[in-house]
Amino acid sequence: MSSSRLLKSGLVVSVMTFLSRILGLVRDVVIANLMGAGAAADVFFFANKIPNFLRRLFAEGAFAQAFVPVLSEVNEIENLTRQRQFIARVAGTLGSIVLVVTLLGVIGSPVLAALFGTGWFVDYLNDGPQGHKFELAALMLKITFPYLFFITLTGLSGAILNTLNRFAVAAFTPVLLNVAIISAALWLAPGMAEPGIGLAWGVFVGGVIQLLFQLPFLWRAGVLVKPRWGWKDPGVTKVRKLMIPALFGVSVGQINLLFDTFIASFLMTGSISWLYYSDRLLEFPLGLFGIAIATVILPALSRNHVQADSRRFAMNMDWSVRMVSALGIPAAAGLMVLGYPILMVLFEGGAFTPDDARMASYSLLAYVSGLWGLMLVKVLAPGFFSRQDTKTPVRYGIWCMALNMVFNAMLAIPFGYVGLAMATALSGTLNAVFLYQKLHRLEVYRLSRRSIWFLVRILLASAAMVAVLLWQRPQEDAWQHWDLTAQIWQLTEMIGLGFISLVIMALVLGIRLADFRTRP
C-alpha cells in the first residue's frame, strides 16, 4: 500500500475515531454529572472494566493480531470459497468459546467482584463502609458481562473488513456504544435508585447494536457466512497457535490495569474514578492517532511480509513511527499544560466538583508522560505480528508487567493513585524501548536518519509550544472563578494558540508534507 493510501486510510480511521472519542467524552460528561467521582461511579467503572479487559483479549487485541496476518495470507493465495470457509470456521470456533466464557462470567460475577475488588469484599465481610460496593459490583457485572460476547463478534467483523481495506465501518462502530450509554444516562438511569445499573444496561444494549450494525457490510462484501465449529481447520489452528502467545501479550497491559484497580480499591473513595477520567483524556489521542495508525499498518505490513518485500516493510514501519510521533508528542505536551482546564470544562458540574478535576489532573499529568511510548508500542508491535511472531512482544510484555507491579509497589504508597498512573507510563515506555531494540537487532527495522531528524524537530517544536502556553496560561484560581462560557472561550484560545505556535515552529524547523510520505 502506498503512502498516499496509508495516509488516506489512516485519515478515515482517525476521523471516525474522532467522532467516537467526541461522543465518548460526551458520555463521560453525562456520567460525571450524573454520578461524579463517588462510590456509584467507582462501581460502574469497575463493572465495565472487567468485560472490557476480556474484550481486548478476544476481540480487539490478541485475536486481531493473530487473525489479520493469517487472513491476509489466505486472501493472497486462496480462492473466495476457501476465504469464506476460513471465516466461517473462525467465527464458529471463537464465538462458541466466548459464549461459554460469557456464561461463566455472568454466573460467577460475585467471584470476579471479590477477586478484582478485594478491598470492597473485605469491607463486605466485616460490615465495613464500602461493603455495599461489592454487592453492587456483582450485580452490575451480570448485566455488563454479556457485552463480551457481542463485542467479540463485532471485533471479528471489523478485522475482516479492515483486511479488505474497508476501515470506516469498524472505526465508526464504537459510536453506537456511546450513543447507547448516553441514552441510558439521560433517560433510564436518573429514574433508578442505583443509576449505575441503568448505565450497565446501556452497555449491554450497545454491544448488541454494534454487532447488528456491521452485518450488512459483511453481506455486501460477500463474507457474511454461517459460523461453523472448526477447531482442527488448518487456518484456525494457525490463528489459535498465534493467538495463545498474543493472549498473554495483550493480557499484560490489561492485567496491569486490573492490578491498578485492585490497589485503588484500597485507596480513598474517588481514586478509581479520578484514574478513569484522566485515562479517558489519555485514550483520546492514543485512540485517535496511535490505534488508528496501527489499524491501517497491520494489514499493509502483513502483505509486505507475504510478498517478501522487506524494503517496503521497513519504509512502512518508518512512516508509522513518524506519524505517531508527529501527533503524539505535541498531544502529550499540550495535555501536560492544559490538562486541568480541559478536565474542568469537560466534566465539572453536577456531582463532579472542582476538587475532582484537580485530583484527576494529577494522574493525567503522570499518564501523559508515557503517551508517546504507549503510541509507539501500538505501531512497533505490528512489526512482529505481521511476521506472525506473537511470542516476542509477549516476552517483553511480561517483563513490563513485572516492572509495572514493582513500580506500583514503589510509587503507590508515597503518591497514591497518581503513583499507579506513573507506573503505567514508565512500563509502557520501557515496552516501546524493548520492542524497538529487538526489531533493530533482527535488522527488520531501524529508525532512519530522516526519521531521527524529524523527531528532533518535533520535540523542539513541541517545546516551543509548551513555552508559549505556559507564558499565556491563566492562573488556576482564575479558571475556577469563570463561568463555563468563559472557560470554554479561554480554553479554545489556548488550544488555538498552541496549535499555531506548533505549526509555525515546525515550518521554521523545516518540517514539510514530504516528511509524511513513505519514500525518502
Protein backbone atom coordinates (compact mmCIF):
# COMPACT_ATOMS: atom_id res chain seq x y z
CA MET A 1 0.00 0.00 0.00
CA SER A 2 1.42 3.40 -0.98
CA SER A 3 1.94 6.23 1.50
CA SER A 4 -0.99 8.14 0.00
CA ARG A 5 -3.33 5.18 0.54
CA LEU A 6 -1.95 4.59 4.02
CA LEU A 7 -2.44 8.27 4.84
CA LYS A 8 -5.95 8.23 3.38
CA SER A 9 -6.87 5.08 5.31
CA GLY A 10 -5.33 6.50 8.46
CA LEU A 11 -7.30 9.72 7.98
CA VAL A 12 -10.54 7.77 7.56
CA VAL A 13 -9.94 5.80 10.73
CA SER A 14 -8.88 8.95 12.59
CA VAL A 15 -11.99 10.86 11.55
CA MET A 16 -14.29 8.02 12.60
CA THR A 17 -12.32 7.51 15.78
CA PHE A 18 -12.50 11.25 16.45
CA LEU A 19 -16.29 11.11 16.21
CA SER A 20 -16.31 8.12 18.55
CA ARG A 21 -13.96 9.81 21.03
CA ILE A 22 -16.02 13.02 20.99
CA LEU A 23 -19.15 11.04 21.81
CA GLY A 24 -17.11 9.14 24.38
CA LEU A 25 -16.26 12.45 26.05
CA VAL A 26 -19.94 13.45 25.89
CA ARG A 27 -20.75 10.12 27.52
CA ASP A 28 -18.21 10.74 30.28
CA VAL A 29 -19.51 14.28 30.81
CA VAL A 30 -23.04 12.91 31.23
CA ILE A 31 -21.80 10.21 33.64
CA ALA A 32 -19.72 12.74 35.58
CA ASN A 33 -22.74 14.99 36.00
CA LEU A 34 -24.91 12.03 36.99
CA MET A 35 -22.57 10.30 39.45
CA GLY A 36 -19.41 12.41 39.82
CA ALA A 37 -16.45 10.53 41.29
CA GLY A 38 -18.27 8.90 44.19
CA ALA A 39 -18.95 5.30 45.20
CA ALA A 40 -21.55 4.63 42.45
CA ALA A 41 -19.16 5.87 39.76
CA ASP A 42 -16.33 3.72 41.14
CA VAL A 43 -18.51 0.62 40.94
CA PHE A 44 -19.78 1.30 37.41
CA PHE A 45 -16.28 1.87 36.04
CA PHE A 46 -15.16 -1.29 37.83
CA ALA A 47 -18.03 -3.37 36.39
CA ASN A 48 -17.33 -2.02 32.91
CA LYS A 49 -13.59 -2.62 33.11
CA ILE A 50 -13.66 -6.41 33.52
CA PRO A 51 -15.62 -7.29 30.34
CA ASN A 52 -13.55 -4.66 28.51
CA PHE A 53 -10.42 -6.44 29.71
CA LEU A 54 -11.65 -9.70 28.14
CA ARG A 55 -12.80 -7.80 25.04
CA ARG A 56 -9.20 -6.67 24.47
CA LEU A 57 -8.12 -10.30 24.67
CA PHE A 58 -10.75 -11.94 22.46
CA ALA A 59 -11.75 -9.13 20.12
CA GLU A 60 -9.53 -6.12 19.52
CA GLY A 61 -6.21 -7.35 20.83
CA ALA A 62 -4.84 -10.86 20.65
CA PHE A 63 -7.38 -12.14 18.17
CA ALA A 64 -6.87 -9.31 15.67
CA GLN A 65 -3.09 -9.63 15.95
CA ALA A 66 -3.29 -13.34 15.11
CA PHE A 67 -6.23 -13.28 12.69
CA VAL A 68 -5.37 -10.36 10.37
CA PRO A 69 -1.96 -11.71 9.19
CA VAL A 70 -3.42 -15.18 8.55
CA LEU A 71 -6.47 -13.78 6.73
CA SER A 72 -4.15 -11.57 4.65
CA GLU A 73 -2.20 -14.69 3.70
CA VAL A 74 -5.39 -16.59 2.83
CA ASN A 75 -6.65 -13.67 0.73
CA GLU A 76 -3.33 -13.56 -1.12
CA ILE A 77 -3.04 -17.25 -2.07
CA GLU A 78 -6.52 -18.84 -1.76
CA ASN A 79 -9.81 -18.54 -3.66
CA LEU A 80 -13.01 -16.92 -2.39
CA THR A 81 -14.55 -20.25 -1.35
CA ARG A 82 -11.62 -21.04 0.92
CA GLN A 83 -11.70 -17.49 2.34
CA ARG A 84 -15.39 -17.84 3.24
CA GLN A 85 -14.80 -21.27 4.74
CA PHE A 86 -11.92 -19.95 6.84
CA ILE A 87 -14.00 -17.02 8.13
CA ALA A 88 -16.95 -19.30 8.96
CA ARG A 89 -14.81 -21.68 10.99
CA VAL A 90 -13.00 -18.89 12.83
CA ALA A 91 -16.34 -17.25 13.68
CA GLY A 92 -17.88 -20.51 14.89
CA THR A 93 -14.89 -21.52 16.98
CA LEU A 94 -14.24 -18.12 18.54
CA GLY A 95 -17.94 -17.42 19.10
CA SER A 96 -18.51 -20.74 20.87
CA ILE A 97 -15.55 -20.28 23.21
CA VAL A 98 -16.51 -16.72 24.11
CA LEU A 99 -20.15 -17.72 24.67
CA VAL A 100 -19.02 -20.23 27.30
CA VAL A 101 -16.72 -17.63 28.92
CA THR A 102 -19.60 -15.12 28.96
CA LEU A 103 -21.98 -17.54 30.67
CA LEU A 104 -19.35 -18.39 33.29
CA GLY A 105 -18.75 -14.69 33.87
CA VAL A 106 -22.44 -13.97 34.45
CA ILE A 107 -22.79 -16.90 36.85
CA GLY A 108 -19.54 -16.17 38.67
CA SER A 109 -19.88 -12.37 38.90
CA PRO A 110 -19.60 -12.36 42.74
CA VAL A 111 -16.30 -14.24 42.48
CA LEU A 112 -14.97 -11.72 39.94
CA ALA A 113 -16.13 -8.81 42.09
CA ALA A 114 -14.33 -10.30 45.10
CA LEU A 115 -11.18 -11.08 43.10
CA PHE A 116 -10.68 -7.66 41.50
CA GLY A 117 -12.37 -5.54 44.16
CA THR A 118 -10.77 -7.21 47.15
CA GLY A 119 -10.83 -4.07 49.25
CA TRP A 120 -14.62 -3.85 48.87
CA PHE A 121 -15.04 -7.58 49.53
CA VAL A 122 -13.05 -7.36 52.77
CA ASP A 123 -15.29 -4.49 53.88
CA TYR A 124 -18.36 -6.55 52.92
CA LEU A 125 -17.21 -9.44 55.11
CA ASN A 126 -16.51 -7.10 58.02
CA ASP A 127 -19.62 -4.91 57.59
CA GLY A 128 -17.34 -2.02 56.62
CA PRO A 129 -18.39 1.25 54.96
CA GLN A 130 -17.51 0.08 51.43
CA GLY A 131 -19.17 -3.33 51.63
CA HIS A 132 -22.15 -2.19 49.56
CA LYS A 133 -19.79 -1.57 46.63
CA PHE A 134 -19.08 -5.31 46.43
CA GLU A 135 -22.78 -6.22 46.24
CA LEU A 136 -23.48 -3.57 43.61
CA ALA A 137 -20.42 -4.60 41.56
CA ALA A 138 -21.53 -8.25 41.49
CA LEU A 139 -24.98 -7.21 40.23
CA MET A 140 -23.66 -4.83 37.58
CA LEU A 141 -21.25 -7.48 36.26
CA LYS A 142 -24.19 -9.78 35.50
CA ILE A 143 -25.55 -7.06 33.20
CA THR A 144 -22.31 -5.87 31.58
CA PHE A 145 -20.58 -9.22 31.07
CA PRO A 146 -22.66 -10.33 28.03
CA TYR A 147 -21.16 -7.31 26.26
CA LEU A 148 -18.09 -9.52 25.85
CA PHE A 149 -19.90 -11.94 23.51
CA PHE A 150 -21.35 -9.25 21.26
CA ILE A 151 -18.21 -7.14 21.05
CA THR A 152 -16.03 -10.17 20.26
CA LEU A 153 -18.10 -10.96 17.17
CA THR A 154 -18.09 -7.24 16.36
CA GLY A 155 -14.29 -7.26 16.60
CA LEU A 156 -14.14 -10.27 14.26
CA SER A 157 -16.33 -8.47 11.74
CA GLY A 158 -14.21 -5.34 11.96
CA ALA A 159 -10.98 -7.29 11.46
CA ILE A 160 -12.40 -8.88 8.30
CA LEU A 161 -13.45 -5.51 6.90
CA ASN A 162 -10.09 -3.93 7.77
CA THR A 163 -8.27 -6.69 5.90
CA LEU A 164 -10.41 -5.79 2.88
CA ASN A 165 -9.29 -2.13 3.33
CA ARG A 166 -12.76 -1.08 4.50
CA PHE A 167 -11.66 0.72 7.63
CA ALA A 168 -14.51 3.21 8.11
CA VAL A 169 -17.16 0.74 9.34
CA ALA A 170 -15.13 -0.73 12.20
CA ALA A 171 -13.83 2.70 13.21
CA PHE A 172 -17.37 4.13 13.33
CA THR A 173 -18.94 1.23 15.25
CA PRO A 174 -17.91 2.38 18.78
CA VAL A 175 -20.03 5.49 18.21
CA LEU A 176 -23.09 3.29 18.69
CA LEU A 177 -21.95 2.11 22.11
CA ASN A 178 -21.52 5.70 23.23
CA VAL A 179 -24.97 6.59 21.92
CA ALA A 180 -26.48 3.69 23.87
CA ILE A 181 -24.75 4.65 27.14
CA ILE A 182 -25.60 8.34 26.73
CA SER A 183 -29.24 7.44 26.08
CA ALA A 184 -29.31 5.26 29.18
CA ALA A 185 -27.68 8.01 31.26
CA LEU A 186 -30.20 10.61 30.13
CA TRP A 187 -33.45 8.65 30.15
CA LEU A 188 -33.05 5.40 32.08
CA ALA A 189 -30.52 5.87 34.89
CA PRO A 190 -31.95 9.06 36.51
CA GLY A 191 -35.18 7.26 37.41
CA MET A 192 -33.44 4.34 39.12
CA ALA A 193 -32.40 4.01 42.76
CA GLU A 194 -28.94 2.95 41.54
CA PRO A 195 -28.14 4.98 38.37
CA GLY A 196 -25.15 2.75 37.61
CA ILE A 197 -27.48 -0.16 36.87
CA GLY A 198 -29.14 1.91 34.14
CA LEU A 199 -25.72 2.62 32.64
CA ALA A 200 -24.90 -1.10 32.78
CA TRP A 201 -27.98 -1.82 30.66
CA GLY A 202 -26.73 0.83 28.24
CA VAL A 203 -23.50 -1.15 27.87
CA PHE A 204 -25.47 -4.35 27.18
CA VAL A 205 -27.67 -2.75 24.51
CA GLY A 206 -24.65 -1.03 22.96
CA GLY A 207 -22.96 -4.39 22.42
CA VAL A 208 -25.99 -5.76 20.58
CA ILE A 209 -26.33 -2.70 18.35
CA GLN A 210 -22.65 -2.69 17.36
CA LEU A 211 -22.82 -6.29 16.13
CA LEU A 212 -26.06 -5.79 14.19
CA PHE A 213 -24.66 -2.65 12.53
CA GLN A 214 -21.74 -4.49 10.90
CA LEU A 215 -23.64 -7.45 9.48
CA PRO A 216 -24.98 -5.65 6.34
CA PHE A 217 -21.46 -4.54 5.42
CA LEU A 218 -20.17 -8.11 5.70
CA TRP A 219 -23.04 -9.26 3.46
CA ARG A 220 -22.27 -6.58 0.88
CA ALA A 221 -18.60 -7.64 0.86
CA GLY A 222 -19.66 -11.26 0.28
CA VAL A 223 -18.15 -12.55 3.53
CA LEU A 224 -21.24 -12.90 5.75
CA VAL A 225 -21.18 -16.65 6.38
CA LYS A 226 -22.79 -19.13 8.74
CA PRO A 227 -20.45 -19.83 11.69
CA ARG A 228 -19.16 -23.39 11.93
CA TRP A 229 -17.05 -25.16 14.52
CA GLY A 230 -13.54 -25.67 13.10
CA TRP A 231 -11.05 -26.30 15.88
CA LYS A 232 -8.87 -28.51 13.66
CA ASP A 233 -9.13 -26.44 10.48
CA PRO A 234 -5.55 -25.61 9.30
CA GLY A 235 -6.25 -21.87 9.21
CA VAL A 236 -7.99 -21.89 12.59
CA THR A 237 -5.13 -23.94 14.03
CA LYS A 238 -2.65 -21.37 12.79
CA VAL A 239 -4.68 -18.50 14.30
CA ARG A 240 -5.03 -20.46 17.53
CA LYS A 241 -1.28 -21.06 17.82
CA LEU A 242 -0.54 -17.40 17.12
CA MET A 243 -3.30 -16.23 19.43
CA ILE A 244 -2.18 -18.13 22.53
CA PRO A 245 1.04 -16.13 23.00
CA ALA A 246 -0.74 -12.99 21.80
CA LEU A 247 -3.31 -13.53 24.57
CA PHE A 248 -0.51 -13.31 27.10
CA GLY A 249 0.92 -10.26 25.36
CA VAL A 250 -2.32 -8.28 25.31
CA SER A 251 -3.30 -9.50 28.76
CA VAL A 252 -0.13 -7.99 30.18
CA GLY A 253 -1.37 -4.44 29.71
CA GLN A 254 -4.89 -5.33 30.77
CA ILE A 255 -3.69 -7.21 33.86
CA ASN A 256 -1.73 -4.10 34.78
CA LEU A 257 -4.94 -2.06 34.56
CA LEU A 258 -6.83 -4.57 36.69
CA PHE A 259 -3.96 -4.66 39.17
CA ASP A 260 -4.23 -0.87 39.36
CA THR A 261 -7.96 -1.28 40.10
CA PHE A 262 -7.14 -3.88 42.77
CA ILE A 263 -4.75 -1.47 44.50
CA ALA A 264 -7.10 1.50 44.04
CA SER A 265 -9.87 -0.41 45.84
CA PHE A 266 -7.77 0.03 48.99
CA LEU A 267 -7.29 3.77 48.42
CA MET A 268 -9.61 6.68 49.14
CA THR A 269 -13.05 6.81 47.51
CA GLY A 270 -12.72 8.51 44.16
CA SER A 271 -9.35 7.00 43.23
CA ILE A 272 -10.79 4.67 40.57
CA SER A 273 -12.90 7.48 39.13
CA TRP A 274 -10.03 10.01 39.04
CA LEU A 275 -7.89 7.46 37.23
CA TYR A 276 -10.76 6.73 34.86
CA TYR A 277 -11.38 10.36 33.88
CA SER A 278 -7.69 11.08 33.36
CA ASP A 279 -7.30 7.84 31.41
CA ARG A 280 -10.18 8.91 29.16
CA LEU A 281 -8.25 12.02 28.12
CA LEU A 282 -5.15 9.87 27.57
CA GLU A 283 -7.17 7.47 25.41
CA PHE A 284 -8.35 10.31 23.18
CA PRO A 285 -5.00 10.93 21.39
CA LEU A 286 -3.97 7.30 21.88
CA GLY A 287 -7.03 6.05 20.01
CA LEU A 288 -7.24 8.92 17.56
CA PHE A 289 -3.64 8.63 16.42
CA GLY A 290 -1.87 5.55 17.81
CA ILE A 291 -4.57 2.94 17.35
CA ALA A 292 -5.72 4.49 14.05
CA ILE A 293 -2.22 4.21 12.53
CA ALA A 294 -1.76 0.71 13.97
CA THR A 295 -5.09 -0.38 12.46
CA VAL A 296 -4.08 0.54 8.91
CA ILE A 297 -0.42 -0.50 9.20
CA LEU A 298 -1.01 -4.14 10.28
CA PRO A 299 -2.70 -5.31 7.03
CA ALA A 300 -0.11 -3.39 4.97
CA LEU A 301 2.83 -4.93 6.84
CA SER A 302 1.22 -8.38 6.61
CA ARG A 303 1.04 -8.05 2.83
CA ASN A 304 4.65 -6.82 2.70
CA HIS A 305 5.73 -9.90 4.65
CA VAL A 306 3.76 -12.33 2.47
CA GLN A 307 5.28 -10.70 -0.63
CA ALA A 308 8.78 -10.79 0.96
CA ASP A 309 9.15 -7.04 0.35
CA SER A 310 11.49 -6.16 3.24
CA ARG A 311 12.27 -2.70 1.85
CA ARG A 312 8.61 -1.65 1.72
CA PHE A 313 8.09 -3.26 5.13
CA ALA A 314 10.80 -1.08 6.70
CA MET A 315 9.54 2.04 4.92
CA ASN A 316 6.00 1.48 6.20
CA MET A 317 7.31 0.96 9.73
CA ASP A 318 9.33 4.18 9.48
CA TRP A 319 6.27 6.05 8.23
CA SER A 320 4.13 4.82 11.11
CA VAL A 321 6.74 5.91 13.69
CA ARG A 322 6.92 9.39 12.17
CA MET A 323 3.14 9.69 12.11
CA VAL A 324 2.53 8.76 15.74
CA SER A 325 5.46 10.94 16.81
CA ALA A 326 4.19 13.96 14.88
CA LEU A 327 0.82 13.61 16.57
CA GLY A 328 1.66 12.02 19.92
CA ILE A 329 4.50 14.23 21.14
CA PRO A 330 2.60 17.55 20.72
CA ALA A 331 -0.58 15.96 22.17
CA ALA A 332 1.31 14.85 25.29
CA ALA A 333 2.93 18.26 25.67
CA GLY A 334 -0.41 20.04 25.29
CA LEU A 335 -2.18 17.82 27.81
CA MET A 336 0.57 18.40 30.36
CA VAL A 337 -0.07 22.15 30.25
CA LEU A 338 -3.83 22.22 29.67
CA GLY A 339 -4.99 19.03 31.39
CA TYR A 340 -6.59 20.75 34.38
CA PRO A 341 -8.69 23.29 32.41
CA ILE A 342 -9.75 20.58 29.95
CA LEU A 343 -10.98 18.39 32.81
CA MET A 344 -12.83 21.36 34.31
CA VAL A 345 -14.53 22.29 31.04
CA LEU A 346 -15.46 18.71 30.15
CA PHE A 347 -16.58 17.22 33.44
CA GLU A 348 -17.15 19.86 36.11
CA GLY A 349 -20.76 20.35 37.08
CA GLY A 350 -23.41 18.25 38.77
CA ALA A 351 -21.74 15.67 41.01
CA PHE A 352 -18.25 16.32 39.57
CA THR A 353 -16.58 19.03 41.66
CA PRO A 354 -13.58 21.36 41.04
CA ASP A 355 -11.66 19.25 43.53
CA ASP A 356 -12.36 16.14 41.41
CA ALA A 357 -10.96 17.95 38.37
CA ARG A 358 -7.82 18.86 40.28
CA MET A 359 -7.32 15.32 41.58
CA ALA A 360 -7.85 13.83 38.10
CA SER A 361 -5.37 16.34 36.62
CA TYR A 362 -2.58 14.95 38.81
CA SER A 363 -2.99 11.42 37.45
CA LEU A 364 -3.41 12.81 33.91
CA LEU A 365 -0.02 14.51 34.18
CA ALA A 366 1.52 11.19 35.15
CA TYR A 367 -0.27 9.28 32.39
CA VAL A 368 0.68 11.60 29.52
CA SER A 369 4.36 11.39 30.38
CA GLY A 370 4.17 7.92 28.82
CA LEU A 371 1.79 8.73 25.94
CA TRP A 372 4.45 8.72 23.22
CA GLY A 373 5.81 5.39 24.44
CA LEU A 374 2.33 3.84 24.53
CA MET A 375 1.68 5.07 20.99
CA LEU A 376 4.99 3.66 19.75
CA VAL A 377 4.07 0.25 21.19
CA LYS A 378 0.92 0.34 19.03
CA VAL A 379 2.94 0.68 15.80
CA LEU A 380 6.06 -1.30 16.74
CA ALA A 381 4.16 -4.42 17.84
CA PRO A 382 2.65 -4.94 14.34
CA GLY A 383 6.24 -5.28 13.12
CA PHE A 384 6.19 -8.64 14.92
CA PHE A 385 2.53 -9.62 14.49
CA SER A 386 2.62 -9.07 10.71
CA ARG A 387 5.53 -11.54 10.53
CA GLN A 388 3.40 -14.00 12.56
CA ASP A 389 5.71 -13.61 15.55
CA THR A 390 3.49 -13.18 18.59
CA LYS A 391 5.95 -14.59 21.11
CA THR A 392 8.48 -11.75 21.16
CA PRO A 393 6.04 -8.99 22.18
CA VAL A 394 4.71 -11.37 24.85
CA ARG A 395 8.14 -11.82 26.39
CA TYR A 396 8.71 -8.09 26.62
CA GLY A 397 5.15 -7.55 27.80
CA ILE A 398 5.67 -9.95 30.70
CA TRP A 399 8.85 -8.13 31.67
CA CYS A 400 6.98 -4.83 31.63
CA MET A 401 4.09 -6.28 33.64
CA ALA A 402 6.54 -7.35 36.32
CA LEU A 403 8.18 -3.93 36.22
CA ASN A 404 4.77 -2.24 36.45
CA MET A 405 3.98 -4.21 39.60
CA VAL A 406 7.32 -3.21 41.10
CA PHE A 407 6.68 0.42 40.16
CA ASN A 408 3.18 0.18 41.66
CA ALA A 409 4.58 -1.10 44.95
CA MET A 410 7.23 1.63 44.98
CA LEU A 411 5.01 4.55 43.94
CA ALA A 412 1.51 3.81 45.28
CA ILE A 413 2.49 4.33 48.92
CA PRO A 414 4.07 7.80 48.56
CA PHE A 415 1.89 9.04 45.67
CA GLY A 416 -1.37 7.08 46.00
CA TYR A 417 -3.43 6.78 42.81
CA VAL A 418 -1.01 9.12 40.98
CA GLY A 419 1.71 6.55 41.58
CA LEU A 420 -0.37 3.97 39.70
CA ALA A 421 -0.52 6.28 36.68
CA MET A 422 3.23 6.91 36.91
CA ALA A 423 3.86 3.15 36.91
CA THR A 424 1.72 2.70 33.79
CA ALA A 425 3.64 5.43 31.96
CA LEU A 426 7.04 4.01 32.91
CA SER A 427 6.25 0.41 31.97
CA GLY A 428 4.65 1.46 28.66
CA THR A 429 7.70 3.49 27.68
CA LEU A 430 10.04 0.61 28.53
CA ASN A 431 7.91 -1.73 26.41
CA ALA A 432 8.42 0.54 23.39
CA VAL A 433 12.18 0.59 24.00
CA PHE A 434 12.36 -3.22 24.22
CA LEU A 435 10.32 -3.70 21.02
CA TYR A 436 12.42 -1.26 19.01
CA GLN A 437 15.71 -2.74 20.20
CA LYS A 438 14.60 -6.21 19.12
CA LEU A 439 13.48 -5.05 15.67
CA HIS A 440 16.81 -3.27 15.33
CA ARG A 441 18.82 -6.36 16.30
CA LEU A 442 16.84 -8.54 13.88
CA GLU A 443 17.55 -5.95 11.13
CA VAL A 444 13.82 -5.87 10.42
CA TYR A 445 13.55 -2.17 11.14
CA ARG A 446 15.82 0.58 12.33
CA LEU A 447 14.96 4.25 12.61
CA SER A 448 16.18 6.10 9.51
CA ARG A 449 18.27 9.29 9.68
CA ARG A 450 15.36 11.07 8.12
CA SER A 451 13.07 9.99 10.97
CA ILE A 452 15.65 10.77 13.68
CA TRP A 453 15.98 14.33 12.41
CA PHE A 454 12.19 14.54 12.13
CA LEU A 455 11.81 13.51 15.79
CA VAL A 456 14.32 16.13 16.91
CA ARG A 457 12.37 18.85 15.10
CA ILE A 458 9.03 17.67 16.51
CA LEU A 459 10.46 17.73 20.04
CA LEU A 460 11.80 21.25 19.54
CA ALA A 461 8.51 22.47 18.07
CA SER A 462 6.57 20.92 20.96
CA ALA A 463 8.92 22.53 23.50
CA ALA A 464 8.32 25.91 21.88
CA MET A 465 4.55 25.31 22.05
CA VAL A 466 4.78 24.48 25.77
CA ALA A 467 6.77 27.66 26.42
CA VAL A 468 4.12 29.78 24.69
CA LEU A 469 1.27 28.07 26.56
CA LEU A 470 2.96 28.44 29.94
CA TRP A 471 3.57 32.12 29.20
CA GLN A 472 -0.08 32.76 28.33
CA ARG A 473 -1.86 30.28 30.62
CA PRO A 474 -4.12 31.89 33.27
CA GLN A 475 -3.64 31.00 36.93
CA GLU A 476 -5.55 28.01 38.31
CA ASP A 477 -7.73 30.20 40.56
CA ALA A 478 -8.88 32.21 37.55
CA TRP A 479 -10.35 29.12 35.87
CA GLN A 480 -12.42 28.36 38.96
CA HIS A 481 -13.98 31.83 39.08
CA TRP A 482 -15.02 31.93 35.40
CA ASP A 483 -18.36 30.60 34.26
CA LEU A 484 -18.49 27.73 31.73
CA THR A 485 -18.74 30.03 28.70
CA ALA A 486 -15.65 31.97 29.74
CA GLN A 487 -13.78 28.73 30.46
CA ILE A 488 -14.63 27.31 27.03
CA TRP A 489 -13.62 30.54 25.29
CA GLN A 490 -10.30 30.77 27.15
CA LEU A 491 -9.51 27.08 26.58
CA THR A 492 -10.30 27.39 22.86
CA GLU A 493 -7.95 30.36 22.64
CA MET A 494 -5.20 28.42 24.41
CA ILE A 495 -5.59 25.36 22.17
CA GLY A 496 -5.59 27.57 19.07
CA LEU A 497 -2.52 29.44 20.28
CA GLY A 498 -0.73 26.17 20.97
CA PHE A 499 -1.58 24.76 17.54
CA ILE A 500 -0.49 27.90 15.71
CA SER A 501 2.79 28.13 17.61
CA LEU A 502 3.46 24.44 16.94
CA VAL A 503 2.83 24.76 13.20
CA ILE A 504 4.91 27.93 12.86
CA MET A 505 7.84 26.42 14.74
CA ALA A 506 7.58 23.18 12.74
CA LEU A 507 7.73 25.13 9.49
CA VAL A 508 10.66 27.21 10.74
CA LEU A 509 12.50 23.98 11.60
CA GLY A 510 11.91 22.64 8.10
CA ILE A 511 9.14 20.07 8.57
CA ARG A 512 7.25 19.64 5.30
CA LEU A 513 4.49 17.43 3.86
CA ALA A 514 7.16 15.22 2.28
CA ASP A 515 8.08 14.03 5.79
CA PHE A 516 4.71 12.25 5.97
CA ARG A 517 5.40 10.07 2.93
CA THR A 518 6.96 6.64 2.97
CA ARG A 519 9.52 7.32 0.25
CA PRO A 520 12.60 9.41 1.11
